[in-house]
Amino acid sequence: MTATMAPAQPASAEHILSLFPEINTSLATQTRSALKDDDLQGYDEEQIRLMDEVCIVLDDHDQPIGSASKKVCHLMENINKGLLHRAFSCFLFDSQNRLLLQQRASEKITFPDMWTNTCCSHPLGVPGETGSTLDAAVAGVKRAAQRKLDQELGIKAKQVPVEHFDFLTRIHYKAPSDGKWGEHEIDYILFIKADVDLDINPNEVQATRYVSEAELKEMFKDDKLTFTPWFKLICQTMMFEWWEHLDHGLEKYKGEKDIRRML
């Protein structure tokens, strides 16, 4: 996969809504319980419950169309028809400029056991986390990142104030997890520098590790380790350049308006 700034084939709101009548255009909470869903039989109960969360469904220009459950958004049969949702990838660095990585729990339905950046998740289709302008969307993903850092890693909001997150850019990528599940996201890249206390949620995270640039590059050489596709894409393109400028010069990379297409 390579990165390009060229636009992808457009998927209009009308086309997406005609394909997926289950999309809720009012961004209201879904009511159906995933616990009763045949597609999710045999998975961890807490992870099934989280499949009821509502993701923000998008057109190819990152404009919200409505909301659909996490389960609907992550089925490959829907992704292959063009269903796209909003996400974020947060990269937390400590005062030594080491990046905090997490290894996803075995209980995860998508990409279990893989190493990835500090926190990767979705803003929800609820007031405060959605937005149709770039500024509003960035504010929403920052709130979502703060919420998920606590839920996954036990990092309290006071250690990661919303105003301390830096938004760099957005990437549009698609990746299968297995034959059934996958990702198709416009992913907001957030950096934050903070020394934090961890209280790991074992249902989400099985291990964490702080790494330098050199240590991360060595991890990528280890055939025994697996990494999430979005993390690999980011590292193969801009990650190490951004990291180099973490203390001096990151300003020029912040707030990019174009979406980086990595399809």
C-alpha atoms as a PDB file:
ATOM      1  CA  MET A   1       0.000   0.000   0.000  1.00  0.00           C
ATOM      2  CA  THR A   2       1.208   3.481  -0.785  1.00  0.00           C
ATOM      3  CA  ALA A   3       0.103   6.894   0.393  1.00  0.00           C
ATOM      4  CA  THR A   4      -1.312   9.423  -2.032  1.00  0.00           C
ATOM      5  CA  MET A   5      -3.113  12.718  -1.709  1.00  0.00           C
ATOM      6  CA  ALA A   6      -5.349  11.970  -4.723  1.00  0.00           C
ATOM      7  CA  PRO A   7      -9.080  11.575  -4.053  1.00  0.00           C
ATOM      8  CA  ALA A   8     -10.605   8.113  -3.867  1.00  0.00           C
ATOM      9  CA  GLN A   9     -13.654   7.117  -5.918  1.00  0.00           C
ATOM     10  CA  PRO A  10     -16.517   9.067  -4.334  1.00  0.00           C
ATOM     11  CA  ALA A  11     -19.195   7.293  -2.320  1.00  0.00           C
ATOM     12  CA  SER A  12     -22.151   9.641  -2.062  1.00  0.00           C
ATOM     13  CA  ALA A  13     -24.408   9.817   0.966  1.00  0.00           C
ATOM     14  CA  GLU A  14     -27.382   8.798  -1.190  1.00  0.00           C
ATOM     15  CA  HIS A  15     -25.566   5.712  -2.481  1.00  0.00           C
ATOM     16  CA  ILE A  16     -24.426   4.622   0.991  1.00  0.00           C
ATOM     17  CA  LEU A  17     -27.900   5.151   2.484  1.00  0.00           C
ATOM     18  CA  SER A  18     -29.481   3.099  -0.294  1.00  0.00           C
ATOM     19  CA  LEU A  19     -27.081   0.220   0.420  1.00  0.00           C
ATOM     20  CA  PHE A  20     -27.372   0.398   4.215  1.00  0.00           C
ATOM     21  CA  PRO A  21     -30.913   1.218   5.411  1.00  0.00           C
ATOM     22  CA  GLU A  22     -29.792   0.477   8.994  1.00  0.00           C
ATOM     23  CA  ILE A  23     -27.812   3.746   9.059  1.00  0.00           C
ATOM     24  CA  ASN A  24     -29.458   6.180  11.462  1.00  0.00           C
ATOM     25  CA  THR A  25     -29.285   9.667   9.951  1.00  0.00           C
ATOM     26  CA  SER A  26     -30.158  11.353  13.270  1.00  0.00           C
ATOM     27  CA  LEU A  27     -26.941  10.124  14.967  1.00  0.00           C
ATOM     28  CA  ALA A  28     -29.101   8.609  17.705  1.00  0.00           C
ATOM     29  CA  THR A  29     -28.151   5.650  19.857  1.00  0.00           C
ATOM     30  CA  GLN A  30     -28.744   2.185  18.424  1.00  0.00           C
ATOM     31  CA  THR A  31     -31.155   0.037  20.418  1.00  0.00           C
ATOM     32  CA  ARG A  32     -30.566  -3.493  19.121  1.00  0.00           C
ATOM     33  CA  SER A  33     -28.378  -5.636  21.358  1.00  0.00           C
ATOM     34  CA  ALA A  34     -25.372  -7.296  19.737  1.00  0.00           C
ATOM     35  CA  LEU A  35     -25.502  -9.941  22.489  1.00  0.00           C
ATOM     36  CA  LYS A  36     -28.338 -11.585  20.529  1.00  0.00           C
ATOM     37  CA  ASP A  37     -26.545 -11.385  17.173  1.00  0.00           C
ATOM     38  CA  ASP A  38     -25.600 -14.622  15.424  1.00  0.00           C
ATOM     39  CA  ASP A  39     -22.575 -12.939  13.798  1.00  0.00           C
ATOM     40  CA  LEU A  40     -21.058 -12.488  17.263  1.00  0.00           C
ATOM     41  CA  GLN A  41     -21.656 -15.873  18.846  1.00  0.00           C
ATOM     42  CA  GLY A  42     -18.582 -17.284  20.594  1.00  0.00           C
ATOM     43  CA  TYR A  43     -16.816 -13.968  21.197  1.00  0.00           C
ATOM     44  CA  ASP A  44     -16.078 -12.333  24.552  1.00  0.00           C
ATOM     45  CA  GLU A  45     -19.268 -10.913  26.096  1.00  0.00           C
ATOM     46  CA  GLU A  46     -17.816  -7.480  26.914  1.00  0.00           C
ATOM     47  CA  GLN A  47     -16.390  -7.124  23.408  1.00  0.00           C
ATOM     48  CA  ILE A  48     -19.783  -8.115  21.978  1.00  0.00           C
ATOM     49  CA  ARG A  49     -21.431  -5.427  24.121  1.00  0.00           C
ATOM     50  CA  LEU A  50     -19.029  -2.835  22.705  1.00  0.00           C
ATOM     51  CA  MET A  51     -20.217  -3.786  19.213  1.00  0.00           C
ATOM     52  CA  ASP A  52     -23.431  -1.895  20.077  1.00  0.00           C
ATOM     53  CA  GLU A  53     -21.510   1.397  20.146  1.00  0.00           C
ATOM     54  CA  VAL A  54     -22.462   3.759  17.329  1.00  0.00           C
ATOM     55  CA  CYS A  55     -19.779   4.773  14.845  1.00  0.00           C
ATOM     56  CA  ILE A  56     -19.979   7.847  12.605  1.00  0.00           C
ATOM     57  CA  VAL A  57     -20.679   6.773   9.009  1.00  0.00           C
ATOM     58  CA  LEU A  58     -18.966   8.976   6.406  1.00  0.00           C
ATOM     59  CA  ASP A  59     -18.792   9.753   2.739  1.00  0.00           C
ATOM     60  CA  ASP A  60     -15.342   9.776   1.130  1.00  0.00           C
ATOM     61  CA  HIS A  61     -14.884  13.456   2.010  1.00  0.00           C
ATOM     62  CA  ASP A  62     -15.229  12.777   5.762  1.00  0.00           C
ATOM     63  CA  GLN A  63     -18.731  14.238   5.888  1.00  0.00           C
ATOM     64  CA  PRO A  64     -21.031  12.438   8.356  1.00  0.00           C
ATOM     65  CA  ILE A  65     -23.967  10.611   6.794  1.00  0.00           C
ATOM     66  CA  GLY A  66     -25.343   9.149  10.015  1.00  0.00           C
ATOM     67  CA  SER A  67     -24.471   6.432  12.490  1.00  0.00           C
ATOM     68  CA  ALA A  68     -24.369   2.643  12.526  1.00  0.00           C
ATOM     69  CA  SER A  69     -23.297   0.086  15.073  1.00  0.00           C
ATOM     70  CA  LYS A  70     -19.665  -0.868  15.409  1.00  0.00           C
ATOM     71  CA  LYS A  71     -20.680  -4.357  14.298  1.00  0.00           C
ATOM     72  CA  VAL A  72     -22.281  -3.109  11.063  1.00  0.00           C
ATOM     73  CA  CYS A  73     -19.257  -0.908  10.310  1.00  0.00           C
ATOM     74  CA  HIS A  74     -16.720  -3.708  10.787  1.00  0.00           C
ATOM     75  CA  LEU A  75     -18.290  -6.514   8.755  1.00  0.00           C
ATOM     76  CA  MET A  76     -16.219  -7.068   5.603  1.00  0.00           C
ATOM     77  CA  GLU A  77     -19.367  -7.644   3.542  1.00  0.00           C
ATOM     78  CA  ASN A  78     -20.367  -4.036   4.342  1.00  0.00           C
ATOM     79  CA  ILE A  79     -16.849  -2.645   3.961  1.00  0.00           C
ATOM     80  CA  ASN A  80     -16.617  -4.198   0.502  1.00  0.00           C
ATOM     81  CA  LYS A  81     -19.756  -2.254  -0.467  1.00  0.00           C
ATOM     82  CA  GLY A  82     -18.111   1.010   0.603  1.00  0.00           C
ATOM     83  CA  LEU A  83     -19.204   1.513   4.217  1.00  0.00           C
ATOM     84  CA  LEU A  84     -16.745   3.959   5.814  1.00  0.00           C
ATOM     85  CA  HIS A  85     -16.514   5.331   9.365  1.00  0.00           C
ATOM     86  CA  ARG A  86     -14.476   7.809  11.425  1.00  0.00           C
ATOM     87  CA  ALA A  87     -11.672   6.722  13.764  1.00  0.00           C
ATOM     88  CA  PHE A  88      -8.622   8.043  15.578  1.00  0.00           C
ATOM     89  CA  SER A  89      -5.133   6.778  16.329  1.00  0.00           C
ATOM     90  CA  CYS A  90      -3.499   8.319  19.387  1.00  0.00           C
ATOM     91  CA  PHE A  91       0.275   8.290  19.895  1.00  0.00           C
ATOM     92  CA  LEU A  92       1.371   9.089  23.452  1.00  0.00           C
ATOM     93  CA  PHE A  93       5.016   9.927  24.145  1.00  0.00           C
ATOM     94  CA  ASP A  94       6.601  10.254  27.577  1.00  0.00           C
ATOM     95  CA  SER A  95       9.099  12.949  28.630  1.00  0.00           C
ATOM     96  CA  GLN A  96      11.916  10.794  27.196  1.00  0.00           C
ATOM     97  CA  ASN A  97      10.144  10.844  23.805  1.00  0.00           C
ATOM     98  CA  ARG A  98       9.388   7.129  24.040  1.00  0.00           C
ATOM     99  CA  LEU A  99       6.170   5.980  22.375  1.00  0.00           C
ATOM    100  CA  LEU A 100       3.705   3.957  24.427  1.00  0.00           C
ATOM    101  CA  LEU A 101       2.586   0.853  22.525  1.00  0.00           C
ATOM    102  CA  GLN A 102      -0.144  -1.581  23.453  1.00  0.00           C
ATOM    103  CA  GLN A 103      -0.699  -5.195  22.501  1.00  0.00           C
ATOM    104  CA  ARG A 104      -4.382  -5.776  21.874  1.00  0.00           C
ATOM    105  CA  ALA A 105      -6.101  -8.351  24.061  1.00  0.00           C
ATOM    106  CA  SER A 106      -6.891 -11.833  22.772  1.00  0.00           C
ATOM    107  CA  GLU A 107     -10.564 -11.060  23.489  1.00  0.00           C
ATOM    108  CA  LYS A 108     -10.677  -8.353  20.795  1.00  0.00           C
ATOM    109  CA  ILE A 109     -12.921  -9.254  17.862  1.00  0.00           C
ATOM    110  CA  THR A 110     -10.769  -7.424  15.313  1.00  0.00           C
ATOM    111  CA  PHE A 111      -6.975  -7.677  15.162  1.00  0.00           C
ATOM    112  CA  PRO A 112      -6.518  -9.586  18.460  1.00  0.00           C
ATOM    113  CA  ASP A 113      -3.011  -9.967  19.945  1.00  0.00           C
ATOM    114  CA  MET A 114      -1.463  -7.395  17.593  1.00  0.00           C
ATOM    115  CA  TRP A 115       0.852  -4.586  18.663  1.00  0.00           C
ATOM    116  CA  THR A 116      -0.278  -1.088  17.837  1.00  0.00           C
ATOM    117  CA  ASN A 117      -0.026   2.574  18.823  1.00  0.00           C
ATOM    118  CA  THR A 118      -1.135   3.810  22.237  1.00  0.00           C
ATOM    119  CA  CYS A 119      -4.864   3.834  21.560  1.00  0.00           C
ATOM    120  CA  CYS A 120      -6.976   3.330  18.436  1.00  0.00           C
ATOM    121  CA  SER A 121     -10.744   3.632  18.476  1.00  0.00           C
ATOM    122  CA  HIS A 122     -13.746   5.613  17.243  1.00  0.00           C
ATOM    123  CA  PRO A 123     -15.539   8.804  18.150  1.00  0.00           C
ATOM    124  CA  LEU A 124     -19.176   7.918  18.734  1.00  0.00           C
ATOM    125  CA  GLY A 125     -22.192   9.217  16.858  1.00  0.00           C
ATOM    126  CA  VAL A 126     -23.266  11.287  19.849  1.00  0.00           C
ATOM    127  CA  PRO A 127     -23.169  15.011  20.657  1.00  0.00           C
ATOM    128  CA  GLY A 128     -19.653  16.136  21.531  1.00  0.00           C
ATOM    129  CA  GLU A 129     -17.826  13.496  19.483  1.00  0.00           C
ATOM    130  CA  THR A 130     -19.171  14.099  15.984  1.00  0.00           C
ATOM    131  CA  GLY A 131     -18.820  17.078  13.657  1.00  0.00           C
ATOM    132  CA  SER A 132     -19.147  18.002   9.989  1.00  0.00           C
ATOM    133  CA  THR A 133     -16.412  20.663   9.915  1.00  0.00           C
ATOM    134  CA  LEU A 134     -12.777  19.715  10.392  1.00  0.00           C
ATOM    135  CA  ASP A 135     -12.491  21.784  13.579  1.00  0.00           C
ATOM    136  CA  ALA A 136     -15.585  20.172  15.113  1.00  0.00           C
ATOM    137  CA  ALA A 137     -14.471  16.691  14.062  1.00  0.00           C
ATOM    138  CA  VAL A 138     -11.003  17.224  15.563  1.00  0.00           C
ATOM    139  CA  ALA A 139     -12.553  18.391  18.835  1.00  0.00           C
ATOM    140  CA  GLY A 140     -14.744  15.275  18.835  1.00  0.00           C
ATOM    141  CA  VAL A 141     -11.908  12.821  18.248  1.00  0.00           C
ATOM    142  CA  LYS A 142      -9.838  14.471  20.988  1.00  0.00           C
ATOM    143  CA  ARG A 143     -12.689  13.918  23.457  1.00  0.00           C
ATOM    144  CA  ALA A 144     -13.022  10.343  22.231  1.00  0.00           C
ATOM    145  CA  ALA A 145      -9.277   9.759  22.634  1.00  0.00           C
ATOM    146  CA  GLN A 146      -9.388  11.029  26.202  1.00  0.00           C
ATOM    147  CA  ARG A 147     -12.353   8.731  26.935  1.00  0.00           C
ATOM    148  CA  LYS A 148     -10.700   5.638  25.421  1.00  0.00           C
ATOM    149  CA  LEU A 149      -7.283   6.217  27.027  1.00  0.00           C
ATOM    150  CA  ASP A 150      -9.097   5.906  30.342  1.00  0.00           C
ATOM    151  CA  GLN A 151     -11.256   2.933  29.308  1.00  0.00           C
ATOM    152  CA  GLU A 152      -8.371   0.897  27.824  1.00  0.00           C
ATOM    153  CA  LEU A 153      -5.306   2.012  29.779  1.00  0.00           C
ATOM    154  CA  GLY A 154      -6.678   3.692  32.906  1.00  0.00           C
ATOM    155  CA  ILE A 155      -5.093   7.044  31.988  1.00  0.00           C
ATOM    156  CA  LYS A 156      -7.108   9.734  33.742  1.00  0.00           C
ATOM    157  CA  ALA A 157      -8.337  12.816  31.901  1.00  0.00           C
ATOM    158  CA  LYS A 158      -6.319  15.203  34.080  1.00  0.00           C
ATOM    159  CA  GLN A 159      -3.096  13.609  32.766  1.00  0.00           C
ATOM    160  CA  VAL A 160      -4.182  14.016  29.123  1.00  0.00           C
ATOM    161  CA  PRO A 161      -6.127  17.303  28.850  1.00  0.00           C
ATOM    162  CA  VAL A 162      -8.007  17.668  25.574  1.00  0.00           C
ATOM    163  CA  GLU A 163      -6.106  20.852  24.744  1.00  0.00           C
ATOM    164  CA  HIS A 164      -2.773  18.984  24.895  1.00  0.00           C
ATOM    165  CA  PHE A 165      -3.599  16.694  21.955  1.00  0.00           C
ATOM    166  CA  ASP A 166      -2.142  17.707  18.592  1.00  0.00           C
ATOM    167  CA  PHE A 167      -4.038  16.780  15.429  1.00  0.00           C
ATOM    168  CA  LEU A 168      -1.673  16.052  12.540  1.00  0.00           C
ATOM    169  CA  THR A 169      -3.599  14.564   9.622  1.00  0.00           C
ATOM    170  CA  ARG A 170      -6.198  12.037   8.466  1.00  0.00           C
ATOM    171  CA  ILE A 171      -5.570   8.766   6.661  1.00  0.00           C
ATOM    172  CA  HIS A 172      -8.123   6.814   4.632  1.00  0.00           C
ATOM    173  CA  TYR A 173      -7.333   3.099   4.616  1.00  0.00           C
ATOM    174  CA  LYS A 174      -9.024  -0.285   4.363  1.00  0.00           C
ATOM    175  CA  ALA A 175      -7.798  -3.556   5.890  1.00  0.00           C
ATOM    176  CA  PRO A 176      -9.304  -6.995   6.562  1.00  0.00           C
ATOM    177  CA  SER A 177      -8.813  -8.602   9.982  1.00  0.00           C
ATOM    178  CA  ASP A 178     -10.017 -12.022   8.844  1.00  0.00           C
ATOM    179  CA  GLY A 179     -12.621 -13.161   6.344  1.00  0.00           C
ATOM    180  CA  LYS A 180     -15.467 -11.707   8.389  1.00  0.00           C
ATOM    181  CA  TRP A 181     -14.228  -8.508  10.057  1.00  0.00           C
ATOM    182  CA  GLY A 182     -12.082  -5.556   9.029  1.00  0.00           C
ATOM    183  CA  GLU A 183     -11.583  -1.798   9.015  1.00  0.00           C
ATOM    184  CA  HIS A 184     -12.448   0.953   6.547  1.00  0.00           C
ATOM    185  CA  GLU A 185     -11.744   4.258   8.226  1.00  0.00           C
ATOM    186  CA  ILE A 186     -10.838   7.874   7.928  1.00  0.00           C
ATOM    187  CA  ASP A 187      -8.414   7.855  10.826  1.00  0.00           C
ATOM    188  CA  TYR A 188      -7.426  11.054  12.674  1.00  0.00           C
ATOM    189  CA  ILE A 189      -3.805  11.025  13.857  1.00  0.00           C
ATOM    190  CA  LEU A 190      -3.322  12.542  17.322  1.00  0.00           C
ATOM    191  CA  PHE A 191      -0.038  13.103  19.188  1.00  0.00           C
ATOM    192  CA  ILE A 192       0.245  13.899  22.877  1.00  0.00           C
ATOM    193  CA  LYS A 193       3.258  14.161  25.163  1.00  0.00           C
ATOM    194  CA  ALA A 194       2.587  13.224  28.789  1.00  0.00           C
ATOM    195  CA  ASP A 195       3.917  11.147  31.655  1.00  0.00           C
ATOM    196  CA  VAL A 196       0.978   9.021  32.739  1.00  0.00           C
ATOM    197  CA  ASP A 197      -0.071   6.343  35.207  1.00  0.00           C
ATOM    198  CA  LEU A 198      -1.405   3.123  33.704  1.00  0.00           C
ATOM    199  CA  ASP A 199      -4.155   0.866  35.036  1.00  0.00           C
ATOM    200  CA  ILE A 200      -4.638  -1.548  32.158  1.00  0.00           C
ATOM    201  CA  ASN A 201      -8.024  -3.023  31.279  1.00  0.00           C
ATOM    202  CA  PRO A 202      -7.119  -6.669  30.501  1.00  0.00           C
ATOM    203  CA  ASN A 203     -10.214  -7.091  28.340  1.00  0.00           C
ATOM    204  CA  GLU A 204      -8.731  -4.491  25.974  1.00  0.00           C
ATOM    205  CA  VAL A 205      -4.951  -4.662  26.416  1.00  0.00           C
ATOM    206  CA  GLN A 206      -2.683  -7.602  27.260  1.00  0.00           C
ATOM    207  CA  ALA A 207       0.650  -5.737  27.374  1.00  0.00           C
ATOM    208  CA  THR A 208       2.221  -2.299  27.031  1.00  0.00           C
ATOM    209  CA  ARG A 209       5.700  -1.163  26.165  1.00  0.00           C
ATOM    210  CA  TYR A 210       7.504   2.179  25.890  1.00  0.00           C
ATOM    211  CA  VAL A 211       9.866   2.231  22.904  1.00  0.00           C
ATOM    212  CA  SER A 212      12.404   4.514  21.284  1.00  0.00           C
ATOM    213  CA  GLU A 213      12.500   4.914  17.497  1.00  0.00           C
ATOM    214  CA  ALA A 214      15.323   2.378  17.279  1.00  0.00           C
ATOM    215  CA  GLU A 215      13.493  -0.111  19.499  1.00  0.00           C
ATOM    216  CA  LEU A 216      10.329   0.118  17.415  1.00  0.00           C
ATOM    217  CA  LYS A 217      12.296  -0.490  14.217  1.00  0.00           C
ATOM    218  CA  GLU A 218      13.786  -3.603  15.842  1.00  0.00           C
ATOM    219  CA  MET A 219      10.304  -4.801  16.809  1.00  0.00           C
ATOM    220  CA  PHE A 220       9.226  -4.582  13.175  1.00  0.00           C
ATOM    221  CA  LYS A 221      12.073  -6.956  12.268  1.00  0.00           C
ATOM    222  CA  ASP A 222      10.820  -9.616  14.703  1.00  0.00           C
ATOM    223  CA  ASP A 223       8.775 -12.190  12.765  1.00  0.00           C
ATOM    224  CA  LYS A 224       7.112 -13.366  15.974  1.00  0.00           C
ATOM    225  CA  LEU A 225       5.360 -10.016  16.457  1.00  0.00           C
ATOM    226  CA  THR A 226       2.314  -8.849  14.522  1.00  0.00           C
ATOM    227  CA  PHE A 227       1.150  -5.265  14.083  1.00  0.00           C
ATOM    228  CA  THR A 228      -2.151  -3.656  13.174  1.00  0.00           C
ATOM    229  CA  PRO A 229      -2.366  -2.555   9.529  1.00  0.00           C
ATOM    230  CA  TRP A 230      -3.031   1.113  10.290  1.00  0.00           C
ATOM    231  CA  PHE A 231      -0.021   1.288  12.608  1.00  0.00           C
ATOM    232  CA  LYS A 232       2.207  -0.274   9.952  1.00  0.00           C
ATOM    233  CA  LEU A 233       0.905   2.140   7.297  1.00  0.00           C
ATOM    234  CA  ILE A 234       1.551   5.161   9.502  1.00  0.00           C
ATOM    235  CA  CYS A 235       5.049   3.931  10.387  1.00  0.00           C
ATOM    236  CA  GLN A 236       5.873   3.181   6.748  1.00  0.00           C
ATOM    237  CA  THR A 237       4.982   6.731   5.723  1.00  0.00           C
ATOM    238  CA  MET A 238       5.320   9.705   8.105  1.00  0.00           C
ATOM    239  CA  MET A 239       5.662   8.340  11.628  1.00  0.00           C
ATOM    240  CA  PHE A 240       9.423   8.488  12.059  1.00  0.00           C
ATOM    241  CA  GLU A 241       9.652  11.929  10.456  1.00  0.00           C
ATOM    242  CA  TRP A 242       7.019  13.238  12.861  1.00  0.00           C
ATOM    243  CA  TRP A 243       8.815  11.587  15.778  1.00  0.00           C
ATOM    244  CA  GLU A 244      12.082  13.263  14.790  1.00  0.00           C
ATOM    245  CA  HIS A 245      10.363  16.656  15.061  1.00  0.00           C
ATOM    246  CA  LEU A 246       8.436  15.917  18.254  1.00  0.00           C
ATOM    247  CA  ASP A 247      10.179  18.656  20.253  1.00  0.00           C
ATOM    248  CA  HIS A 248      11.265  20.958  17.430  1.00  0.00           C
ATOM    249  CA  GLY A 249       9.368  21.513  14.205  1.00  0.00           C
ATOM    250  CA  LEU A 250       6.207  19.436  14.710  1.00  0.00           C
ATOM    251  CA  GLU A 251       4.187  22.602  14.126  1.00  0.00           C
ATOM    252  CA  LYS A 252       4.601  22.345  10.342  1.00  0.00           C
ATOM    253  CA  TYR A 253       2.888  18.933  10.343  1.00  0.00           C
ATOM    254  CA  LYS A 254      -0.142  19.916  12.409  1.00  0.00           C
ATOM    255  CA  GLY A 255      -3.640  20.460  11.081  1.00  0.00           C
ATOM    256  CA  GLU A 256      -3.232  19.049   7.588  1.00  0.00           C
ATOM    257  CA  LYS A 257      -6.457  19.614   5.666  1.00  0.00           C
ATOM    258  CA  ASP A 258      -6.031  17.024   2.905  1.00  0.00           C
ATOM    259  CA  ILE A 259      -6.872  13.384   3.586  1.00  0.00           C
ATOM    260  CA  ARG A 260      -4.001  10.983   2.930  1.00  0.00           C
ATOM    261  CA  ARG A 261      -5.421   8.126   0.851  1.00  0.00           C
ATOM    262  CA  MET A 262      -3.713   4.801   1.623  1.00  0.00           C
ATOM    263  CA  LEU A 263      -5.889   2.403  -0.341  1.00  0.00           C
END
